Amino acid sequence: GEEMEAEDKPNLWAVYDNYIDRVVVKCVNAVTPKWQSRLAG
C-alpha cells in the first residue's frame, strides 16, 4: 500500500500490483551490482 494514492487502495488487485512491483524493484537493485557484469543478457 505504500506509494499509492488513497483512492486506489480499495482496488485489491492494484494494491498487490504495487506491492509486487516494489518487491521486484528491491530484488533487482540487490543483485545487480554483483551480477550485471558476470552473466550475459
Full PDB file with SEQRES, HELIX, SHEET, SSBOND, CRYST1, ORIGX, SCALE, CONECT and MASTER records, all heavy atoms in Angstrom:
SEQRES   1 A   41  GLY GLU GLU MET GLU ALA GLU ASP LYS PRO ASN LEU TRP          
SEQRES   2 A   41  ALA VAL TYR ASP ASN TYR ILE ASP ARG VAL VAL VAL LYS          
SEQRES   3 A   41  CYS VAL ASN ALA VAL THR PRO LYS TRP GLN SER ARG LEU          
SEQRES   4 A   41  ALA GLY                                                      
HELIX    1 AA1 ALA A    6  ASP A    8  5                                   3    
HELIX    2 AA2 LEU A   12  TRP A   35  1                                  24    
CRYST1    1.000    1.000    1.000  90.00  90.00  90.00 P 1           1          
ORIGX1      1.000000  0.000000  0.000000        0.00000                         
ORIGX2      0.000000  1.000000  0.000000        0.00000                         
ORIGX3      0.000000  0.000000  1.000000        0.00000                         
SCALE1      1.000000  0.000000  0.000000        0.00000                         
SCALE2      0.000000  1.000000  0.000000        0.00000                         
SCALE3      0.000000  0.000000  1.000000        0.00000                         
ATOM      1  N   GLY A   1       0.766  -1.240   0.000  1.00  0.00           N  
ATOM      2  CA  GLY A   1       0.000   0.000   0.000  1.00  0.00           C  
ATOM      3  C   GLY A   1       0.789   1.277   0.000  1.00  0.00           C  
ATOM      4  O   GLY A   1       0.217   2.350  -0.201  1.00  0.00           O  
ATOM      5  N   GLU A   2       2.092   1.214   0.246  1.00  0.00           N  
ATOM      6  CA  GLU A   2       2.883   2.438   0.183  1.00  0.00           C  
ATOM      7  C   GLU A   2       3.009   2.901  -1.264  1.00  0.00           C  
ATOM      8  O   GLU A   2       2.856   2.140  -2.194  1.00  0.00           O  
ATOM      9  CB  GLU A   2       4.276   2.214   0.784  1.00  0.00           C  
ATOM     10  CG  GLU A   2       4.273   2.107   2.297  1.00  0.00           C  
ATOM     11  CD  GLU A   2       5.672   2.164   2.883  1.00  0.00           C  
ATOM     12  OE1 GLU A   2       6.650   2.016   2.123  1.00  0.00           O  
ATOM     13  OE2 GLU A   2       5.787   2.329   4.098  1.00  0.00           O  
ATOM     14  N   GLU A   3       3.306   4.185  -1.410  1.00  0.00           N  
ATOM     15  CA  GLU A   3       3.459   4.796  -2.731  1.00  0.00           C  
ATOM     16  C   GLU A   3       2.180   4.658  -3.564  1.00  0.00           C  
ATOM     17  O   GLU A   3       2.231   4.579  -4.789  1.00  0.00           O  
ATOM     18  CB  GLU A   3       4.642   4.197  -3.502  1.00  0.00           C  
ATOM     19  CG  GLU A   3       5.988   4.402  -2.824  1.00  0.00           C  
ATOM     20  CD  GLU A   3       7.146   3.951  -3.705  1.00  0.00           C  
ATOM     21  OE1 GLU A   3       7.170   4.322  -4.890  1.00  0.00           O  
ATOM     22  OE2 GLU A   3       8.020   3.228  -3.201  1.00  0.00           O  
ATOM     23  N   MET A   4       1.024   4.619  -2.889  1.00  0.00           N  
ATOM     24  CA  MET A   4      -0.254   4.542  -3.596  1.00  0.00           C  
ATOM     25  C   MET A   4      -1.147   5.707  -3.193  1.00  0.00           C  
ATOM     26  O   MET A   4      -1.088   6.179  -2.050  1.00  0.00           O  
ATOM     27  CB  MET A   4      -0.983   3.227  -3.284  1.00  0.00           C  
ATOM     28  CG  MET A   4      -0.365   1.997  -3.877  1.00  0.00           C  
ATOM     29  SD  MET A   4      -1.479   0.584  -3.719  1.00  0.00           S  
ATOM     30  CE  MET A   4      -2.732   0.999  -4.941  1.00  0.00           C  
ATOM     31  N   GLU A   5      -1.974   6.147  -4.107  1.00  0.00           N  
ATOM     32  CA  GLU A   5      -2.990   7.139  -3.788  1.00  0.00           C  
ATOM     33  C   GLU A   5      -4.110   6.466  -3.001  1.00  0.00           C  
ATOM     34  O   GLU A   5      -4.463   5.308  -3.243  1.00  0.00           O  
ATOM     35  CB  GLU A   5      -3.555   7.744  -5.077  1.00  0.00           C  
ATOM     36  CG  GLU A   5      -2.522   8.451  -5.941  1.00  0.00           C  
ATOM     37  CD  GLU A   5      -2.020   9.748  -5.325  1.00  0.00           C  
ATOM     38  OE1 GLU A   5      -2.697  10.255  -4.398  1.00  0.00           O  
ATOM     39  OE2 GLU A   5      -0.971  10.258  -5.769  1.00  0.00           O  
ATOM     40  N   ALA A   6      -4.668   7.202  -2.045  1.00  0.00           N  
ATOM     41  CA  ALA A   6      -5.705   6.637  -1.178  1.00  0.00           C  
ATOM     42  C   ALA A   6      -6.907   6.141  -1.979  1.00  0.00           C  
ATOM     43  O   ALA A   6      -7.504   5.101  -1.653  1.00  0.00           O  
ATOM     44  CB  ALA A   6      -6.146   7.682  -0.154  1.00  0.00           C  
ATOM     45  N   GLU A   7      -7.239   6.812  -3.048  1.00  0.00           N  
ATOM     46  CA  GLU A   7      -8.422   6.418  -3.813  1.00  0.00           C  
ATOM     47  C   GLU A   7      -8.233   5.096  -4.558  1.00  0.00           C  
ATOM     48  O   GLU A   7      -9.207   4.474  -4.986  1.00  0.00           O  
ATOM     49  CB  GLU A   7      -8.784   7.518  -4.807  1.00  0.00           C  
ATOM     50  CG  GLU A   7      -7.722   7.755  -5.883  1.00  0.00           C  
ATOM     51  CD  GLU A   7      -7.931   9.057  -6.623  1.00  0.00           C  
ATOM     52  OE1 GLU A   7      -7.623  10.125  -6.050  1.00  0.00           O  
ATOM     53  OE2 GLU A   7      -8.419   8.989  -7.767  1.00  0.00           O  
ATOM     54  N   ASP A   8      -6.960   4.657  -4.731  1.00  0.00           N  
ATOM     55  CA  ASP A   8      -6.700   3.387  -5.410  1.00  0.00           C  
ATOM     56  C   ASP A   8      -6.639   2.201  -4.450  1.00  0.00           C  
ATOM     57  O   ASP A   8      -6.696   1.049  -4.894  1.00  0.00           O  
ATOM     58  CB  ASP A   8      -5.380   3.455  -6.182  1.00  0.00           C  
ATOM     59  CG  ASP A   8      -5.471   4.340  -7.411  1.00  0.00           C  
ATOM     60  OD1 ASP A   8      -6.553   4.383  -8.020  1.00  0.00           O  
ATOM     61  OD2 ASP A   8      -4.456   4.980  -7.758  1.00  0.00           O  
ATOM     62  N   LYS A   9      -6.534   2.456  -3.150  1.00  0.00           N  
ATOM     63  CA  LYS A   9      -6.328   1.366  -2.195  1.00  0.00           C  
ATOM     64  C   LYS A   9      -7.516   0.413  -2.064  1.00  0.00           C  
ATOM     65  O   LYS A   9      -7.315  -0.758  -1.726  1.00  0.00           O  
ATOM     66  CB  LYS A   9      -5.929   1.933  -0.836  1.00  0.00           C  
ATOM     67  CG  LYS A   9      -4.523   2.534  -0.857  1.00  0.00           C  
ATOM     68  CD  LYS A   9      -4.070   3.001   0.524  1.00  0.00           C  
ATOM     69  CE  LYS A   9      -2.657   3.546   0.459  1.00  0.00           C  
ATOM     70  NZ  LYS A   9      -2.160   4.009   1.783  1.00  0.00           N  
ATOM     71  N   PRO A  10      -8.750   0.818  -2.312  1.00  0.00           N  
ATOM     72  CA  PRO A  10      -9.835  -0.174  -2.305  1.00  0.00           C  
ATOM     73  C   PRO A  10      -9.726  -1.210  -3.425  1.00  0.00           C  
ATOM     74  O   PRO A  10     -10.389  -2.251  -3.374  1.00  0.00           O  
ATOM     75  CB  PRO A  10     -11.096   0.681  -2.461  1.00  0.00           C  
ATOM     76  CG  PRO A  10     -10.709   2.028  -1.956  1.00  0.00           C  
ATOM     77  CD  PRO A  10      -9.283   2.191  -2.360  1.00  0.00           C  
ATOM     78  N   ASN A  11      -8.906  -0.935  -4.426  1.00  0.00           N  
ATOM     79  CA  ASN A  11      -8.699  -1.867  -5.538  1.00  0.00           C  
ATOM     80  C   ASN A  11      -7.635  -2.880  -5.104  1.00  0.00           C  
ATOM     81  O   ASN A  11      -6.435  -2.604  -5.150  1.00  0.00           O  
ATOM     82  CB  ASN A  11      -8.248  -1.103  -6.790  1.00  0.00           C  
ATOM     83  CG  ASN A  11      -8.046  -1.999  -7.992  1.00  0.00           C  
ATOM     84  OD1 ASN A  11      -7.876  -3.204  -7.864  1.00  0.00           O  
ATOM     85  ND2 ASN A  11      -8.035  -1.397  -9.167  1.00  0.00           N  
ATOM     86  N   LEU A  12      -8.073  -4.046  -4.666  1.00  0.00           N  
ATOM     87  CA  LEU A  12      -7.150  -5.034  -4.098  1.00  0.00           C  
ATOM     88  C   LEU A  12      -6.089  -5.454  -5.103  1.00  0.00           C  
ATOM     89  O   LEU A  12      -4.922  -5.640  -4.758  1.00  0.00           O  
ATOM     90  CB  LEU A  12      -7.930  -6.258  -3.622  1.00  0.00           C  
ATOM     91  CG  LEU A  12      -7.114  -7.341  -2.891  1.00  0.00           C  
ATOM     92  CD1 LEU A  12      -6.488  -6.775  -1.626  1.00  0.00           C  
ATOM     93  CD2 LEU A  12      -8.003  -8.540  -2.580  1.00  0.00           C  
ATOM     94  N   TRP A  13      -6.497  -5.629  -6.356  1.00  0.00           N  
ATOM     95  CA  TRP A  13      -5.514  -6.027  -7.373  1.00  0.00           C  
ATOM     96  C   TRP A  13      -4.441  -4.947  -7.522  1.00  0.00           C  
ATOM     97  O   TRP A  13      -3.261  -5.242  -7.707  1.00  0.00           O  
ATOM     98  CB  TRP A  13      -6.211  -6.266  -8.706  1.00  0.00           C  
ATOM     99  CG  TRP A  13      -6.634  -7.671  -9.027  1.00  0.00           C  
ATOM    100  CD1 TRP A  13      -6.877  -8.149 -10.278  1.00  0.00           C  
ATOM    101  CD2 TRP A  13      -6.878  -8.764  -8.141  1.00  0.00           C  
ATOM    102  NE1 TRP A  13      -7.264  -9.470 -10.222  1.00  0.00           N  
ATOM    103  CE2 TRP A  13      -7.268  -9.872  -8.913  1.00  0.00           C  
ATOM    104  CE3 TRP A  13      -6.815  -8.916  -6.758  1.00  0.00           C  
ATOM    105  CZ2 TRP A  13      -7.582 -11.116  -8.372  1.00  0.00           C  
ATOM    106  CZ3 TRP A  13      -7.131 -10.162  -6.204  1.00  0.00           C  
ATOM    107  CH2 TRP A  13      -7.502 -11.233  -7.005  1.00  0.00           C  
ATOM    108  N   ALA A  14      -4.846  -3.666  -7.474  1.00  0.00           N  
ATOM    109  CA  ALA A  14      -3.890  -2.574  -7.596  1.00  0.00           C  
ATOM    110  C   ALA A  14      -2.918  -2.563  -6.426  1.00  0.00           C  
ATOM    111  O   ALA A  14      -1.717  -2.309  -6.600  1.00  0.00           O  
ATOM    112  CB  ALA A  14      -4.628  -1.238  -7.688  1.00  0.00           C  
ATOM    113  N   VAL A  15      -3.418  -2.848  -5.219  1.00  0.00           N  
ATOM    114  CA  VAL A  15      -2.543  -2.887  -4.040  1.00  0.00           C  
ATOM    115  C   VAL A  15      -1.461  -3.946  -4.219  1.00  0.00           C  
ATOM    116  O   VAL A  15      -0.273  -3.713  -3.960  1.00  0.00           O  
ATOM    117  CB  VAL A  15      -3.366  -3.145  -2.761  1.00  0.00           C  
ATOM    118  CG1 VAL A  15      -2.437  -3.415  -1.579  1.00  0.00           C  
ATOM    119  CG2 VAL A  15      -4.276  -1.961  -2.462  1.00  0.00           C  
ATOM    120  N   TYR A  16      -1.864  -5.133  -4.683  1.00  0.00           N  
ATOM    121  CA  TYR A  16      -0.873  -6.210  -4.849  1.00  0.00           C  
ATOM    122  C   TYR A  16       0.044  -5.945  -6.042  1.00  0.00           C  
ATOM    123  O   TYR A  16       1.241  -6.278  -5.999  1.00  0.00           O  
ATOM    124  CB  TYR A  16      -1.570  -7.563  -4.982  1.00  0.00           C  
ATOM    125  CG  TYR A  16      -1.863  -8.153  -3.633  1.00  0.00           C  
ATOM    126  CD1 TYR A  16      -3.105  -7.979  -3.029  1.00  0.00           C  
ATOM    127  CD2 TYR A  16      -0.879  -8.838  -2.928  1.00  0.00           C  
ATOM    128  CE1 TYR A  16      -3.370  -8.489  -1.776  1.00  0.00           C  
ATOM    129  CE2 TYR A  16      -1.122  -9.358  -1.670  1.00  0.00           C  
ATOM    130  CZ  TYR A  16      -2.370  -9.185  -1.089  1.00  0.00           C  
ATOM    131  OH  TYR A  16      -2.611  -9.686   0.162  1.00  0.00           O  
ATOM    132  N   ASP A  17      -0.468  -5.326  -7.089  1.00  0.00           N  
ATOM    133  CA  ASP A  17       0.387  -4.968  -8.213  1.00  0.00           C  
ATOM    134  C   ASP A  17       1.469  -4.000  -7.757  1.00  0.00           C  
ATOM    135  O   ASP A  17       2.658  -4.173  -8.074  1.00  0.00           O  
ATOM    136  CB  ASP A  17      -0.458  -4.346  -9.326  1.00  0.00           C  
ATOM    137  CG  ASP A  17       0.374  -3.920 -10.518  1.00  0.00           C  
ATOM    138  OD1 ASP A  17       1.049  -4.791 -11.115  1.00  0.00           O  
ATOM    139  OD2 ASP A  17       0.363  -2.720 -10.864  1.00  0.00           O  
ATOM    140  N   ASN A  18       1.072  -2.986  -7.000  1.00  0.00           N  
ATOM    141  CA  ASN A  18       2.016  -2.005  -6.481  1.00  0.00           C  
ATOM    142  C   ASN A  18       3.023  -2.658  -5.537  1.00  0.00           C  
ATOM    143  O   ASN A  18       4.236  -2.411  -5.616  1.00  0.00           O  
ATOM    144  CB  ASN A  18       1.231  -0.898  -5.762  1.00  0.00           C  
ATOM    145  CG  ASN A  18       2.129   0.132  -5.098  1.00  0.00           C  
ATOM    146  OD1 ASN A  18       2.646  -0.099  -4.015  1.00  0.00           O  
ATOM    147  ND2 ASN A  18       2.291   1.275  -5.757  1.00  0.00           N  
ATOM    148  N   TYR A  19       2.533  -3.544  -4.662  1.00  0.00           N  
ATOM    149  CA  TYR A  19       3.404  -4.230  -3.700  1.00  0.00           C  
ATOM    150  C   TYR A  19       4.425  -5.109  -4.409  1.00  0.00           C  
ATOM    151  O   TYR A  19       5.631  -5.049  -4.137  1.00  0.00           O  
ATOM    152  CB  TYR A  19       2.542  -5.068  -2.759  1.00  0.00           C  
ATOM    153  CG  TYR A  19       3.298  -6.051  -1.893  1.00  0.00           C  
ATOM    154  CD1 TYR A  19       4.122  -5.606  -0.870  1.00  0.00           C  
ATOM    155  CD2 TYR A  19       3.176  -7.422  -2.102  1.00  0.00           C  
ATOM    156  CE1 TYR A  19       4.811  -6.506  -0.067  1.00  0.00           C  
ATOM    157  CE2 TYR A  19       3.853  -8.333  -1.312  1.00  0.00           C  
ATOM    158  CZ  TYR A  19       4.670  -7.874  -0.302  1.00  0.00           C  
ATOM    159  OH  TYR A  19       5.348  -8.758   0.480  1.00  0.00           O  
ATOM    160  N   ILE A  20       3.956  -5.924  -5.344  1.00  0.00           N  
ATOM    161  CA  ILE A  20       4.852  -6.841  -6.041  1.00  0.00           C  
ATOM    162  C   ILE A  20       5.885  -6.071  -6.856  1.00  0.00           C  
ATOM    163  O   ILE A  20       7.067  -6.425  -6.879  1.00  0.00           O  
ATOM    164  CB  ILE A  20       4.041  -7.798  -6.933  1.00  0.00           C  
ATOM    165  CG1 ILE A  20       3.237  -8.764  -6.058  1.00  0.00           C  
ATOM    166  CG2 ILE A  20       4.950  -8.574  -7.889  1.00  0.00           C  
ATOM    167  CD1 ILE A  20       2.176  -9.543  -6.812  1.00  0.00           C  
ATOM    168  N   ASP A  21       5.458  -5.002  -7.517  1.00  0.00           N  
ATOM    169  CA  ASP A  21       6.407  -4.192  -8.280  1.00  0.00           C  
ATOM    170  C   ASP A  21       7.517  -3.658  -7.380  1.00  0.00           C  
ATOM    171  O   ASP A  21       8.699  -3.672  -7.744  1.00  0.00           O  
ATOM    172  CB  ASP A  21       5.697  -3.021  -8.964  1.00  0.00           C  
ATOM    173  CG  ASP A  21       4.925  -3.438 -10.199  1.00  0.00           C  
ATOM    174  OD1 ASP A  21       5.066  -4.598 -10.632  1.00  0.00           O  
ATOM    175  OD2 ASP A  21       4.169  -2.598 -10.742  1.00  0.00           O  
ATOM    176  N   ARG A  22       7.148  -3.164  -6.200  1.00  0.00           N  
ATOM    177  CA  ARG A  22       8.162  -2.587  -5.308  1.00  0.00           C  
ATOM    178  C   ARG A  22       9.073  -3.672  -4.722  1.00  0.00           C  
ATOM    179  O   ARG A  22      10.259  -3.429  -4.488  1.00  0.00           O  
ATOM    180  CB  ARG A  22       7.495  -1.767  -4.205  1.00  0.00           C  
ATOM    181  CG  ARG A  22       6.899  -0.468  -4.749  1.00  0.00           C  
ATOM    182  CD  ARG A  22       6.310   0.425  -3.680  1.00  0.00           C  
ATOM    183  NE  ARG A  22       5.140  -0.173  -3.041  1.00  0.00           N  
ATOM    184  CZ  ARG A  22       5.084  -0.552  -1.765  1.00  0.00           C  
ATOM    185  NH1 ARG A  22       6.125  -0.398  -0.977  1.00  0.00           N  
ATOM    186  NH2 ARG A  22       3.979  -1.079  -1.277  1.00  0.00           N  
ATOM    187  N   VAL A  23       8.533  -4.875  -4.508  1.00  0.00           N  
ATOM    188  CA  VAL A  23       9.378  -6.004  -4.106  1.00  0.00           C  
ATOM    189  C   VAL A  23      10.417  -6.298  -5.190  1.00  0.00           C  
ATOM    190  O   VAL A  23      11.606  -6.492  -4.923  1.00  0.00           O  
ATOM    191  CB  VAL A  23       8.514  -7.257  -3.838  1.00  0.00           C  
ATOM    192  CG1 VAL A  23       9.378  -8.515  -3.743  1.00  0.00           C  
ATOM    193  CG2 VAL A  23       7.711  -7.078  -2.558  1.00  0.00           C  
ATOM    194  N   VAL A  24       9.967  -6.311  -6.425  1.00  0.00           N  
ATOM    195  CA  VAL A  24      10.861  -6.623  -7.537  1.00  0.00           C  
ATOM    196  C   VAL A  24      11.903  -5.523  -7.725  1.00  0.00           C  
ATOM    197  O   VAL A  24      13.069  -5.811  -8.033  1.00  0.00           O  
ATOM    198  CB  VAL A  24      10.042  -6.871  -8.813  1.00  0.00           C  
ATOM    199  CG1 VAL A  24      10.937  -6.954 -10.035  1.00  0.00           C  
ATOM    200  CG2 VAL A  24       9.233  -8.154  -8.666  1.00  0.00           C  
ATOM    201  N   VAL A  25      11.522  -4.263  -7.546  1.00  0.00           N  
ATOM    202  CA  VAL A  25      12.494  -3.169  -7.610  1.00  0.00           C  
ATOM    203  C   VAL A  25      13.625  -3.415  -6.615  1.00  0.00           C  
ATOM    204  O   VAL A  25      14.813  -3.285  -6.943  1.00  0.00           O  
ATOM    205  CB  VAL A  25      11.797  -1.822  -7.335  1.00  0.00           C  
ATOM    206  CG1 VAL A  25      12.812  -0.734  -6.995  1.00  0.00           C  
ATOM    207  CG2 VAL A  25      10.968  -1.393  -8.547  1.00  0.00           C  
ATOM    208  N   LYS A  26      13.294  -3.806  -5.385  1.00  0.00           N  
ATOM    209  CA  LYS A  26      14.323  -4.086  -4.380  1.00  0.00           C  
ATOM    210  C   LYS A  26      15.172  -5.283  -4.780  1.00  0.00           C  
ATOM    211  O   LYS A  26      16.393  -5.296  -4.596  1.00  0.00           O  
ATOM    212  CB  LYS A  26      13.673  -4.326  -3.022  1.00  0.00           C  
ATOM    213  CG  LYS A  26      13.077  -3.099  -2.368  1.00  0.00           C  
ATOM    214  CD  LYS A  26      12.552  -3.443  -0.975  1.00  0.00           C  
ATOM    215  CE  LYS A  26      11.946  -2.232  -0.287  1.00  0.00           C  
ATOM    216  NZ  LYS A  26      11.469  -2.559   1.083  1.00  0.00           N  
ATOM    217  N   CYS A  27      14.522  -6.303  -5.298  1.00  0.00           N  
ATOM    218  CA  CYS A  27      15.247  -7.510  -5.714  1.00  0.00           C  
ATOM    219  C   CYS A  27      16.258  -7.178  -6.807  1.00  0.00           C  
ATOM    220  O   CYS A  27      17.433  -7.581  -6.728  1.00  0.00           O  
ATOM    221  CB  CYS A  27      14.244  -8.553  -6.194  1.00  0.00           C  
ATOM    222  SG  CYS A  27      14.966 -10.051  -6.901  1.00  0.00           S  
ATOM    223  N   VAL A  28      15.823  -6.444  -7.829  1.00  0.00           N  
ATOM    224  CA  VAL A  28      16.728  -6.079  -8.926  1.00  0.00           C  
ATOM    225  C   VAL A  28      17.896  -5.256  -8.404  1.00  0.00           C  
ATOM    226  O   VAL A  28      19.062  -5.502  -8.746  1.00  0.00           O  
ATOM    227  CB  VAL A  28      15.964  -5.316 -10.028  1.00  0.00           C  
ATOM    228  CG1 VAL A  28      16.928  -4.767 -11.079  1.00  0.00           C  
ATOM    229  CG2 VAL A  28      14.929  -6.230 -10.689  1.00  0.00           C  
ATOM    230  N   ASN A  29      17.599  -4.282  -7.548  1.00  0.00           N  
ATOM    231  CA  ASN A  29      18.665  -3.436  -7.008  1.00  0.00           C  
ATOM    232  C   ASN A  29      19.660  -4.247  -6.170  1.00  0.00           C  
ATOM    233  O   ASN A  29      20.861  -3.950  -6.166  1.00  0.00           O  
ATOM    234  CB  ASN A  29      18.077  -2.317  -6.156  1.00  0.00           C  
ATOM    235  CG  ASN A  29      17.557  -1.165  -6.993  1.00  0.00           C  
ATOM    236  OD1 ASN A  29      18.083  -0.872  -8.051  1.00  0.00           O  
ATOM    237  ND2 ASN A  29      16.515  -0.500  -6.510  1.00  0.00           N  
ATOM    238  N   ALA A  30      19.180  -5.272  -5.464  1.00  0.00           N  
ATOM    239  CA  ALA A  30      20.052  -6.032  -4.574  1.00  0.00           C  
ATOM    240  C   ALA A  30      21.043  -6.906  -5.336  1.00  0.00           C  
ATOM    241  O   ALA A  30      22.195  -7.059  -4.917  1.00  0.00           O  
ATOM    242  CB  ALA A  30      19.210  -6.898  -3.634  1.00  0.00           C  
ATOM    243  N   VAL A  31      20.622  -7.490  -6.452  1.00  0.00           N  
ATOM    244  CA  VAL A  31      21.516  -8.442  -7.140  1.00  0.00           C  
ATOM    245  C   VAL A  31      22.308  -7.814  -8.285  1.00  0.00           C  
ATOM    246  O   VAL A  31      23.312  -8.383  -8.720  1.00  0.00           O  
ATOM    247  CB  VAL A  31      20.720  -9.659  -7.664  1.00  0.00           C  
ATOM    248  CG1 VAL A  31      20.156 -10.453  -6.506  1.00  0.00           C  
ATOM    249  CG2 VAL A  31      19.615  -9.243  -8.618  1.00  0.00           C  
ATOM    250  N   THR A  32      21.895  -6.655  -8.754  1.00  0.00           N  
ATOM    251  CA  THR A  32      22.537  -6.071  -9.931  1.00  0.00           C  
ATOM    252  C   THR A  32      24.013  -5.750  -9.743  1.00  0.00           C  
ATOM    253  O   THR A  32      24.826  -6.069 -10.629  1.00  0.00           O  
ATOM    254  CB  THR A  32      21.763  -4.821 -10.389  1.00  0.00           C  
ATOM    255  OG1 THR A  32      20.476  -5.230 -10.877  1.00  0.00           O  
ATOM    256  CG2 THR A  32      22.505  -4.076 -11.492  1.00  0.00           C  
ATOM    257  N   PRO A  33      24.460  -5.144  -8.639  1.00  0.00           N  
ATOM    258  CA  PRO A  33      25.888  -4.802  -8.542  1.00  0.00           C  
ATOM    259  C   PRO A  33      26.817  -6.010  -8.708  1.00  0.00           C  
ATOM    260  O   PRO A  33      27.883  -5.890  -9.324  1.00  0.00           O  
ATOM    261  CB  PRO A  33      25.998  -4.196  -7.130  1.00  0.00           C  
ATOM    262  CG  PRO A  33      24.642  -3.651  -6.852  1.00  0.00           C  
ATOM    263  CD  PRO A  33      23.688  -4.630  -7.479  1.00  0.00           C  
ATOM    264  N   LYS A  34      26.421  -7.168  -8.200  1.00  0.00           N  
ATOM    265  CA  LYS A  34      27.272  -8.355  -8.274  1.00  0.00           C  
ATOM    266  C   LYS A  34      27.190  -9.057  -9.618  1.00  0.00           C  
ATOM    267  O   LYS A  34      28.194  -9.594 -10.105  1.00  0.00           O  
ATOM    268  CB  LYS A  34      26.904  -9.337  -7.153  1.00  0.00           C  
ATOM    269  CG  LYS A  34      27.680 -10.636  -7.172  1.00  0.00           C  
ATOM    270  CD  LYS A  34      27.293 -11.527  -5.997  1.00  0.00           C  
ATOM    271  CE  LYS A  34      28.011 -12.874  -6.045  1.00  0.00           C  
ATOM    272  NZ  LYS A  34      27.640 -13.734  -4.882  1.00  0.00           N  
ATOM    273  N   TRP A  35      26.007  -9.055 -10.238  1.00  0.00           N  
ATOM    274  CA  TRP A  35      25.769  -9.974 -11.350  1.00  0.00           C  
ATOM    275  C   TRP A  35      25.674  -9.351 -12.728  1.00  0.00           C  
ATOM    276  O   TRP A  35      25.788 -10.050 -13.732  1.00  0.00           O  
ATOM    277  CB  TRP A  35      24.495 -10.790 -11.071  1.00  0.00           C  
ATOM    278  CG  TRP A  35      24.711 -11.781  -9.986  1.00  0.00           C  
ATOM    279  CD1 TRP A  35      24.307 -11.694  -8.680  1.00  0.00           C  
ATOM    280  CD2 TRP A  35      25.433 -13.010 -10.100  1.00  0.00           C  
ATOM    281  NE1 TRP A  35      24.729 -12.797  -7.971  1.00  0.00           N  
ATOM    282  CE2 TRP A  35      25.422 -13.625  -8.820  1.00  0.00           C  
ATOM    283  CE3 TRP A  35      26.084 -13.658 -11.147  1.00  0.00           C  
ATOM    284  CZ2 TRP A  35      26.036 -14.844  -8.575  1.00  0.00           C  
ATOM    285  CZ3 TRP A  35      26.694 -14.880 -10.911  1.00  0.00           C  
ATOM    286  CH2 TRP A  35      26.676 -15.456  -9.636  1.00  0.00           C  
ATOM    287  N   GLN A  36      25.477  -8.046 -12.851  1.00  0.00           N  
ATOM    288  CA  GLN A  36      25.223  -7.499 -14.187  1.00  0.00           C  
ATOM    289  C   GLN A  36      26.424  -7.643 -15.122  1.00  0.00           C  
ATOM    290  O   GLN A  36      26.254  -7.692 -16.350  1.00  0.00           O  
ATOM    291  CB  GLN A  36      24.784  -6.049 -14.100  1.00  0.00           C  
ATOM    292  CG  GLN A  36      25.844  -5.062 -13.651  1.00  0.00           C  
ATOM    293  CD  GLN A  36      25.338  -3.624 -13.721  1.00  0.00           C  
ATOM    294  OE1 GLN A  36      24.292  -3.348 -14.293  1.00  0.00           O  
ATOM    295  NE2 GLN A  36      26.076  -2.710 -13.126  1.00  0.00           N  
ATOM    296  N   SER A  37      27.640  -7.744 -14.585  1.00  0.00           N  
ATOM    297  CA  SER A  37      28.816  -7.915 -15.442  1.00  0.00           C  
ATOM    298  C   SER A  37      29.274  -9.363 -15.533  1.00  0.00           C  
ATOM    299  O   SER A  37      30.217  -9.673 -16.265  1.00  0.00           O  
ATOM    300  CB  SER A  37      29.976  -7.056 -14.917  1.00  0.00           C  
ATOM    301  OG  SER A  37      30.352  -7.473 -13.608  1.00  0.00           O  
ATOM    302  N   ARG A  38      28.585 -10.279 -14.828  1.00  0.00           N  
ATOM    303  CA  ARG A  38      29.015 -11.686 -14.816  1.00  0.00           C  
ATOM    304  C   ARG A  38      28.180 -12.582 -15.719  1.00  0.00           C  
ATOM    305  O   ARG A  38      28.673 -13.629 -16.161  1.00  0.00           O  
ATOM    306  CB  ARG A  38      28.970 -12.238 -13.383  1.00  0.00           C  
ATOM    307  CG  ARG A  38      30.008 -11.629 -12.457  1.00  0.00           C  
ATOM    308  CD  ARG A  38      29.948 -12.256 -11.078  1.00  0.00           C  
ATOM    309  NE  ARG A  38      30.244 -13.692 -11.104  1.00  0.00           N  
ATOM    310  CZ  ARG A  38      30.203 -14.476 -10.020  1.00  0.00           C  
ATOM    311  NH1 ARG A  38      29.879 -13.963  -8.841  1.00  0.00           N  
ATOM    312  NH2 ARG A  38      30.477 -15.763 -10.120  1.00  0.00           N  
ATOM    313  N   LEU A  39      26.933 -12.211 -15.980  1.00  0.00           N  
ATOM    314  CA  LEU A  39      26.053 -13.042 -16.788  1.00  0.00           C  
ATOM    315  C   LEU A  39      25.668 -12.297 -18.059  1.00  0.00           C  
ATOM    316  O   LEU A  39      25.132 -11.190 -17.998  1.00  0.00           O  
ATOM    317  CB  LEU A  39      24.782 -13.405 -16.011  1.00  0.00           C  
ATOM    318  CG  LEU A  39      24.953 -14.271 -14.766  1.00  0.00           C  
ATOM    319  CD1 LEU A  39      23.604 -14.454 -14.084  1.00  0.00           C  
ATOM    320  CD2 LEU A  39      25.561 -15.624 -15.116  1.00  0.00           C  
ATOM    321  N   ALA A  40      25.929 -12.913 -19.208  1.00  0.00           N  
ATOM    322  CA  ALA A  40      25.493 -12.318 -20.472  1.00  0.00           C  
ATOM    323  C   ALA A  40      23.966 -12.250 -20.493  1.00  0.00           C  
ATOM    324  O   ALA A  40      23.289 -13.162 -20.029  1.00  0.00           O  
ATOM    325  CB  ALA A  40      26.000 -13.154 -21.646  1.00  0.00           C  
ATOM    326  N   GLY A  41      23.432 -11.157 -21.025  1.00  0.00           N  
ATOM    327  CA  GLY A  41      21.991 -10.991 -21.073  1.00  0.00           C  
ATOM    328  C   GLY A  41      21.358 -10.726 -19.727  1.00  0.00           C  
ATOM    329  O   GLY A  41      20.135 -10.870 -19.573  1.00  0.00           O  
TER     330      GLY A  41                                                      
MASTER        0    0    0    2    0    0    0    6  329    1    0    4          
END                                                                             
